[in-house]
Amino acid sequence: MLILLLLIIFVALAWFGWTYNRLVALRNRMRAAWASIDTLLKRRADLVPNLVQAVRGYMAHEQGTLTDIASARAQALQAGGAPSDTEGRARAENALTSGVRQLFAIAEAYPDLKASQSVLTLQQQLTETENDIASARRYYNAVVRDFNTLRESFPALLVAGPLGFQPGQYFELSDIADREAPAADIGAPQ
């Protein structure tokens, strides 16, 4: 009887340790995935001023758009860098993405600008970065899903709840911003 009791205790402790380690591993993967997203978002934010500077001379009457993009970039850089504030960060990044898309749409109306090698290079780099961000976001959200599923599943919730494992937050950018074409007020170049 004592051997059976010791065996049950051993199995329970082994299960507890295994579950705890799985939760920690997923939480760490979630943090690492967020760090990758954060790095890519900073890279994009660093490319935006170069693009704005490259188009500034061609688009003298579009200063409002350029100012809006600069403001959106500043807000994106100030937004939380921790995965605990993904909503605030997503709002700021949506505004920046919208501004960059609008800038690309306006740039299409300027033949000299479309032919500028520096603008084309910056547009290519931004497009690649946007693709990398989308990929990193999908990976991060998949890890959050796995973490939350384990955290909320029985019997793992018996470990996660008492040990303070908080649910992960998805990093969702606005679907509306992804589907809508940017509004561009294209006037005659001056």
C-alpha atoms as a PDB file:
ATOM      1  CA  MET A   1       0.000   0.000   0.000  1.00  0.00           C
ATOM      2  CA  LEU A   2       2.860   2.396   0.837  1.00  0.00           C
ATOM      3  CA  ILE A   3       4.547   1.578  -2.479  1.00  0.00           C
ATOM      4  CA  LEU A   4       1.341   2.367  -4.369  1.00  0.00           C
ATOM      5  CA  LEU A   5       0.975   5.677  -2.515  1.00  0.00           C
ATOM      6  CA  LEU A   6       4.607   6.591  -3.253  1.00  0.00           C
ATOM      7  CA  LEU A   7       4.108   5.656  -6.905  1.00  0.00           C
ATOM      8  CA  ILE A   8       1.003   7.874  -7.140  1.00  0.00           C
ATOM      9  CA  ILE A   9       2.886  10.786  -5.519  1.00  0.00           C
ATOM     10  CA  PHE A  10       5.837  10.262  -7.858  1.00  0.00           C
ATOM     11  CA  VAL A  11       3.584  10.198 -10.950  1.00  0.00           C
ATOM     12  CA  ALA A  12       1.719  13.319  -9.766  1.00  0.00           C
ATOM     13  CA  LEU A  13       4.977  15.207  -9.146  1.00  0.00           C
ATOM     14  CA  ALA A  14       6.409  14.083 -12.486  1.00  0.00           C
ATOM     15  CA  TRP A  15       3.238  15.223 -14.274  1.00  0.00           C
ATOM     16  CA  PHE A  16       3.312  18.556 -12.390  1.00  0.00           C
ATOM     17  CA  GLY A  17       6.938  19.148 -13.366  1.00  0.00           C
ATOM     18  CA  TRP A  18       6.352  18.147 -16.981  1.00  0.00           C
ATOM     19  CA  THR A  19       3.311  20.426 -17.283  1.00  0.00           C
ATOM     20  CA  TYR A  20       5.108  23.326 -15.609  1.00  0.00           C
ATOM     21  CA  ASN A  21       8.066  22.925 -17.968  1.00  0.00           C
ATOM     22  CA  ARG A  22       5.775  22.869 -21.025  1.00  0.00           C
ATOM     23  CA  LEU A  23       4.080  26.081 -19.857  1.00  0.00           C
ATOM     24  CA  VAL A  24       7.440  27.773 -19.267  1.00  0.00           C
ATOM     25  CA  ALA A  25       8.753  26.642 -22.661  1.00  0.00           C
ATOM     26  CA  LEU A  26       5.685  28.004 -24.467  1.00  0.00           C
ATOM     27  CA  ARG A  27       5.804  31.273 -22.514  1.00  0.00           C
ATOM     28  CA  ASN A  28       9.464  31.684 -23.475  1.00  0.00           C
ATOM     29  CA  ARG A  29       8.733  30.896 -27.136  1.00  0.00           C
ATOM     30  CA  MET A  30       5.962  33.490 -26.981  1.00  0.00           C
ATOM     31  CA  ARG A  31       8.363  36.102 -25.582  1.00  0.00           C
ATOM     32  CA  ALA A  32      11.001  35.257 -28.201  1.00  0.00           C
ATOM     33  CA  ALA A  33       8.428  35.490 -30.993  1.00  0.00           C
ATOM     34  CA  TRP A  34       7.318  38.878 -29.674  1.00  0.00           C
ATOM     35  CA  ALA A  35      10.932  40.061 -29.630  1.00  0.00           C
ATOM     36  CA  SER A  36      11.199  39.103 -33.321  1.00  0.00           C
ATOM     37  CA  ILE A  37       8.076  41.109 -34.127  1.00  0.00           C
ATOM     38  CA  ASP A  38       9.367  44.047 -32.121  1.00  0.00           C
ATOM     39  CA  THR A  39      12.674  43.984 -34.017  1.00  0.00           C
ATOM     40  CA  LEU A  40      10.892  43.938 -37.369  1.00  0.00           C
ATOM     41  CA  LEU A  41       8.555  46.764 -36.341  1.00  0.00           C
ATOM     42  CA  LYS A  42      11.564  48.852 -35.318  1.00  0.00           C
ATOM     43  CA  ARG A  43      13.239  48.078 -38.653  1.00  0.00           C
ATOM     44  CA  ARG A  44      10.133  49.287 -40.460  1.00  0.00           C
ATOM     45  CA  ALA A  45      10.004  52.403 -38.307  1.00  0.00           C
ATOM     46  CA  ASP A  46      13.644  53.079 -39.215  1.00  0.00           C
ATOM     47  CA  LEU A  47      12.906  52.760 -42.953  1.00  0.00           C
ATOM     48  CA  VAL A  48       9.935  55.134 -42.910  1.00  0.00           C
ATOM     49  CA  PRO A  49      11.902  58.381 -42.309  1.00  0.00           C
ATOM     50  CA  ASN A  50      14.244  57.474 -45.178  1.00  0.00           C
ATOM     51  CA  LEU A  51      11.267  56.962 -47.477  1.00  0.00           C
ATOM     52  CA  VAL A  52       9.629  60.195 -46.330  1.00  0.00           C
ATOM     53  CA  GLN A  53      12.882  62.093 -46.919  1.00  0.00           C
ATOM     54  CA  ALA A  54      13.292  60.537 -50.373  1.00  0.00           C
ATOM     55  CA  VAL A  55       9.815  61.596 -51.509  1.00  0.00           C
ATOM     56  CA  ARG A  56       9.685  64.972 -49.752  1.00  0.00           C
ATOM     57  CA  GLY A  57      11.215  66.898 -52.651  1.00  0.00           C
ATOM     58  CA  TYR A  58       8.862  65.378 -55.215  1.00  0.00           C
ATOM     59  CA  MET A  59       5.701  65.827 -53.156  1.00  0.00           C
ATOM     60  CA  ALA A  60       5.802  69.403 -51.939  1.00  0.00           C
ATOM     61  CA  HIS A  61       2.000  69.722 -51.713  1.00  0.00           C
ATOM     62  CA  GLU A  62       1.610  66.427 -49.808  1.00  0.00           C
ATOM     63  CA  GLN A  63       3.242  67.707 -46.613  1.00  0.00           C
ATOM     64  CA  GLY A  64       0.154  66.781 -44.569  1.00  0.00           C
ATOM     65  CA  THR A  65       0.551  63.135 -45.516  1.00  0.00           C
ATOM     66  CA  LEU A  66       4.251  63.198 -44.700  1.00  0.00           C
ATOM     67  CA  THR A  67       3.543  64.844 -41.345  1.00  0.00           C
ATOM     68  CA  ASP A  68       0.877  62.250 -40.555  1.00  0.00           C
ATOM     69  CA  ILE A  69       3.323  59.432 -41.308  1.00  0.00           C
ATOM     70  CA  ALA A  70       5.974  60.990 -39.089  1.00  0.00           C
ATOM     71  CA  SER A  71       3.426  61.303 -36.281  1.00  0.00           C
ATOM     72  CA  ALA A  72       2.251  57.705 -36.734  1.00  0.00           C
ATOM     73  CA  ARG A  73       5.862  56.515 -36.646  1.00  0.00           C
ATOM     74  CA  ALA A  74       6.487  58.365 -33.389  1.00  0.00           C
ATOM     75  CA  GLN A  75       3.380  56.815 -31.837  1.00  0.00           C
ATOM     76  CA  ALA A  76       4.413  53.350 -33.018  1.00  0.00           C
ATOM     77  CA  LEU A  77       7.844  53.754 -31.451  1.00  0.00           C
ATOM     78  CA  GLN A  78       6.291  54.906 -28.175  1.00  0.00           C
ATOM     79  CA  ALA A  79       3.753  52.074 -28.085  1.00  0.00           C
ATOM     80  CA  GLY A  80       4.402  49.284 -25.644  1.00  0.00           C
ATOM     81  CA  GLY A  81       7.202  46.905 -26.480  1.00  0.00           C
ATOM     82  CA  ALA A  82       5.896  44.143 -24.221  1.00  0.00           C
ATOM     83  CA  PRO A  83       3.492  41.448 -25.364  1.00  0.00           C
ATOM     84  CA  SER A  84       1.163  42.482 -22.548  1.00  0.00           C
ATOM     85  CA  ASP A  85       0.043  45.570 -24.540  1.00  0.00           C
ATOM     86  CA  THR A  86      -0.513  44.125 -27.976  1.00  0.00           C
ATOM     87  CA  GLU A  87      -3.743  46.102 -28.491  1.00  0.00           C
ATOM     88  CA  GLY A  88      -2.064  49.483 -28.063  1.00  0.00           C
ATOM     89  CA  ARG A  89       0.843  48.439 -30.210  1.00  0.00           C
ATOM     90  CA  ALA A  90      -1.490  47.119 -32.918  1.00  0.00           C
ATOM     91  CA  ARG A  91      -3.405  50.430 -33.040  1.00  0.00           C
ATOM     92  CA  ALA A  92      -0.176  52.407 -33.431  1.00  0.00           C
ATOM     93  CA  GLU A  93       1.188  50.026 -36.063  1.00  0.00           C
ATOM     94  CA  ASN A  94      -2.122  50.110 -37.984  1.00  0.00           C
ATOM     95  CA  ALA A  95      -1.866  53.893 -38.213  1.00  0.00           C
ATOM     96  CA  LEU A  96       1.704  53.671 -39.498  1.00  0.00           C
ATOM     97  CA  THR A  97       0.818  50.951 -42.007  1.00  0.00           C
ATOM     98  CA  SER A  98      -2.098  53.014 -43.273  1.00  0.00           C
ATOM     99  CA  GLY A  99       0.134  56.063 -43.704  1.00  0.00           C
ATOM    100  CA  VAL A 100       2.785  54.118 -45.594  1.00  0.00           C
ATOM    101  CA  ARG A 101       0.143  52.586 -47.872  1.00  0.00           C
ATOM    102  CA  GLN A 102      -1.281  56.022 -48.549  1.00  0.00           C
ATOM    103  CA  LEU A 103       2.204  57.302 -49.354  1.00  0.00           C
ATOM    104  CA  PHE A 104       2.733  54.422 -51.807  1.00  0.00           C
ATOM    105  CA  ALA A 105      -0.608  55.194 -53.462  1.00  0.00           C
ATOM    106  CA  ILE A 106       0.210  58.891 -53.789  1.00  0.00           C
ATOM    107  CA  ALA A 107       3.691  58.099 -55.103  1.00  0.00           C
ATOM    108  CA  GLU A 108       2.112  56.256 -58.029  1.00  0.00           C
ATOM    109  CA  ALA A 109       0.944  59.633 -59.388  1.00  0.00           C
ATOM    110  CA  TYR A 110       4.486  60.973 -59.681  1.00  0.00           C
ATOM    111  CA  PRO A 111       6.416  59.519 -62.645  1.00  0.00           C
ATOM    112  CA  ASP A 112       9.739  60.992 -61.477  1.00  0.00           C
ATOM    113  CA  LEU A 113       9.203  59.493 -58.054  1.00  0.00           C
ATOM    114  CA  LYS A 114       8.320  56.066 -59.449  1.00  0.00           C
ATOM    115  CA  ALA A 115      11.575  56.138 -61.431  1.00  0.00           C
ATOM    116  CA  SER A 116      13.741  57.124 -58.443  1.00  0.00           C
ATOM    117  CA  GLN A 117      16.055  54.246 -57.561  1.00  0.00           C
ATOM    118  CA  SER A 118      16.276  55.237 -53.888  1.00  0.00           C
ATOM    119  CA  VAL A 119      12.485  55.308 -53.557  1.00  0.00           C
ATOM    120  CA  LEU A 120      12.156  51.975 -55.353  1.00  0.00           C
ATOM    121  CA  THR A 121      14.787  50.428 -53.072  1.00  0.00           C
ATOM    122  CA  LEU A 122      13.079  51.761 -49.962  1.00  0.00           C
ATOM    123  CA  GLN A 123       9.684  50.541 -51.177  1.00  0.00           C
ATOM    124  CA  GLN A 124      11.164  47.091 -51.791  1.00  0.00           C
ATOM    125  CA  GLN A 125      12.740  47.015 -48.327  1.00  0.00           C
ATOM    126  CA  LEU A 126       9.475  48.101 -46.716  1.00  0.00           C
ATOM    127  CA  THR A 127       7.533  45.477 -48.656  1.00  0.00           C
ATOM    128  CA  GLU A 128       9.971  42.761 -47.569  1.00  0.00           C
ATOM    129  CA  THR A 129       9.782  43.965 -43.980  1.00  0.00           C
ATOM    130  CA  GLU A 130       5.973  43.957 -44.094  1.00  0.00           C
ATOM    131  CA  ASN A 131       6.067  40.353 -45.327  1.00  0.00           C
ATOM    132  CA  ASP A 132       8.486  39.421 -42.540  1.00  0.00           C
ATOM    133  CA  ILE A 133       6.230  41.114 -39.979  1.00  0.00           C
ATOM    134  CA  ALA A 134       3.208  39.175 -41.248  1.00  0.00           C
ATOM    135  CA  SER A 135       5.122  35.903 -41.011  1.00  0.00           C
ATOM    136  CA  ALA A 136       6.454  36.678 -37.516  1.00  0.00           C
ATOM    137  CA  ARG A 137       2.978  37.728 -36.401  1.00  0.00           C
ATOM    138  CA  ARG A 138       1.501  34.428 -37.603  1.00  0.00           C
ATOM    139  CA  TYR A 139       4.176  32.488 -35.711  1.00  0.00           C
ATOM    140  CA  TYR A 140       3.683  34.565 -32.553  1.00  0.00           C
ATOM    141  CA  ASN A 141      -0.096  34.102 -32.681  1.00  0.00           C
ATOM    142  CA  ALA A 142       0.341  30.345 -33.179  1.00  0.00           C
ATOM    143  CA  VAL A 143       2.548  30.152 -30.081  1.00  0.00           C
ATOM    144  CA  VAL A 144       0.023  32.246 -28.117  1.00  0.00           C
ATOM    145  CA  ARG A 145      -2.734  29.866 -29.257  1.00  0.00           C
ATOM    146  CA  ASP A 146      -0.731  26.817 -28.124  1.00  0.00           C
ATOM    147  CA  PHE A 147       0.134  28.451 -24.797  1.00  0.00           C
ATOM    148  CA  ASN A 148      -3.442  29.529 -24.108  1.00  0.00           C
ATOM    149  CA  THR A 149      -4.794  26.113 -25.105  1.00  0.00           C
ATOM    150  CA  LEU A 150      -2.441  24.326 -22.728  1.00  0.00           C
ATOM    151  CA  ARG A 151      -3.031  26.903 -19.982  1.00  0.00           C
ATOM    152  CA  GLU A 152      -6.812  26.490 -20.198  1.00  0.00           C
ATOM    153  CA  SER A 153      -6.893  22.703 -20.665  1.00  0.00           C
ATOM    154  CA  PHE A 154      -7.631  20.311 -17.872  1.00  0.00           C
ATOM    155  CA  PRO A 155      -5.593  19.175 -15.982  1.00  0.00           C
ATOM    156  CA  ALA A 156      -2.867  21.703 -16.945  1.00  0.00           C
ATOM    157  CA  LEU A 157      -5.030  24.538 -15.614  1.00  0.00           C
ATOM    158  CA  LEU A 158      -4.395  23.076 -12.148  1.00  0.00           C
ATOM    159  CA  VAL A 159      -0.758  24.082 -12.612  1.00  0.00           C
ATOM    160  CA  ALA A 160      -1.172  27.262 -14.701  1.00  0.00           C
ATOM    161  CA  GLY A 161      -3.718  29.032 -12.492  1.00  0.00           C
ATOM    162  CA  PRO A 162      -2.045  28.696  -9.101  1.00  0.00           C
ATOM    163  CA  LEU A 163       1.404  29.473 -10.522  1.00  0.00           C
ATOM    164  CA  GLY A 164       0.236  32.687 -12.175  1.00  0.00           C
ATOM    165  CA  PHE A 165       0.554  31.893 -15.881  1.00  0.00           C
ATOM    166  CA  GLN A 166      -1.387  34.734 -17.518  1.00  0.00           C
ATOM    167  CA  PRO A 167      -3.026  34.250 -20.927  1.00  0.00           C
ATOM    168  CA  GLY A 168      -1.068  35.443 -23.931  1.00  0.00           C
ATOM    169  CA  GLN A 169      -2.518  38.219 -26.068  1.00  0.00           C
ATOM    170  CA  TYR A 170      -2.762  37.851 -29.810  1.00  0.00           C
ATOM    171  CA  PHE A 171      -1.134  40.495 -31.965  1.00  0.00           C
ATOM    172  CA  GLU A 172      -3.843  41.325 -34.470  1.00  0.00           C
ATOM    173  CA  LEU A 173      -3.573  44.095 -36.959  1.00  0.00           C
ATOM    174  CA  SER A 174      -6.761  45.573 -38.286  1.00  0.00           C
ATOM    175  CA  ASP A 175      -8.422  43.426 -40.919  1.00  0.00           C
ATOM    176  CA  ILE A 176     -10.181  46.504 -42.249  1.00  0.00           C
ATOM    177  CA  ALA A 177      -6.873  48.266 -42.841  1.00  0.00           C
ATOM    178  CA  ASP A 178      -5.591  45.170 -44.633  1.00  0.00           C
ATOM    179  CA  ARG A 179      -8.601  45.025 -46.990  1.00  0.00           C
ATOM    180  CA  GLU A 180      -9.197  48.683 -47.746  1.00  0.00           C
ATOM    181  CA  ALA A 181      -7.334  50.529 -50.431  1.00  0.00           C
ATOM    182  CA  PRO A 182      -5.655  53.611 -49.002  1.00  0.00           C
ATOM    183  CA  ALA A 183      -7.443  56.873 -49.666  1.00  0.00           C
ATOM    184  CA  ALA A 184      -5.259  59.121 -51.726  1.00  0.00           C
ATOM    185  CA  ASP A 185      -6.030  62.747 -52.466  1.00  0.00           C
ATOM    186  CA  ILE A 186      -3.924  63.211 -55.546  1.00  0.00           C
ATOM    187  CA  GLY A 187      -3.777  66.737 -56.777  1.00  0.00           C
ATOM    188  CA  ALA A 188      -1.744  68.136 -59.598  1.00  0.00           C
ATOM    189  CA  PRO A 189       1.964  68.308 -58.763  1.00  0.00           C
ATOM    190  CA  GLN A 190       3.211  71.820 -58.255  1.00  0.00           C
END
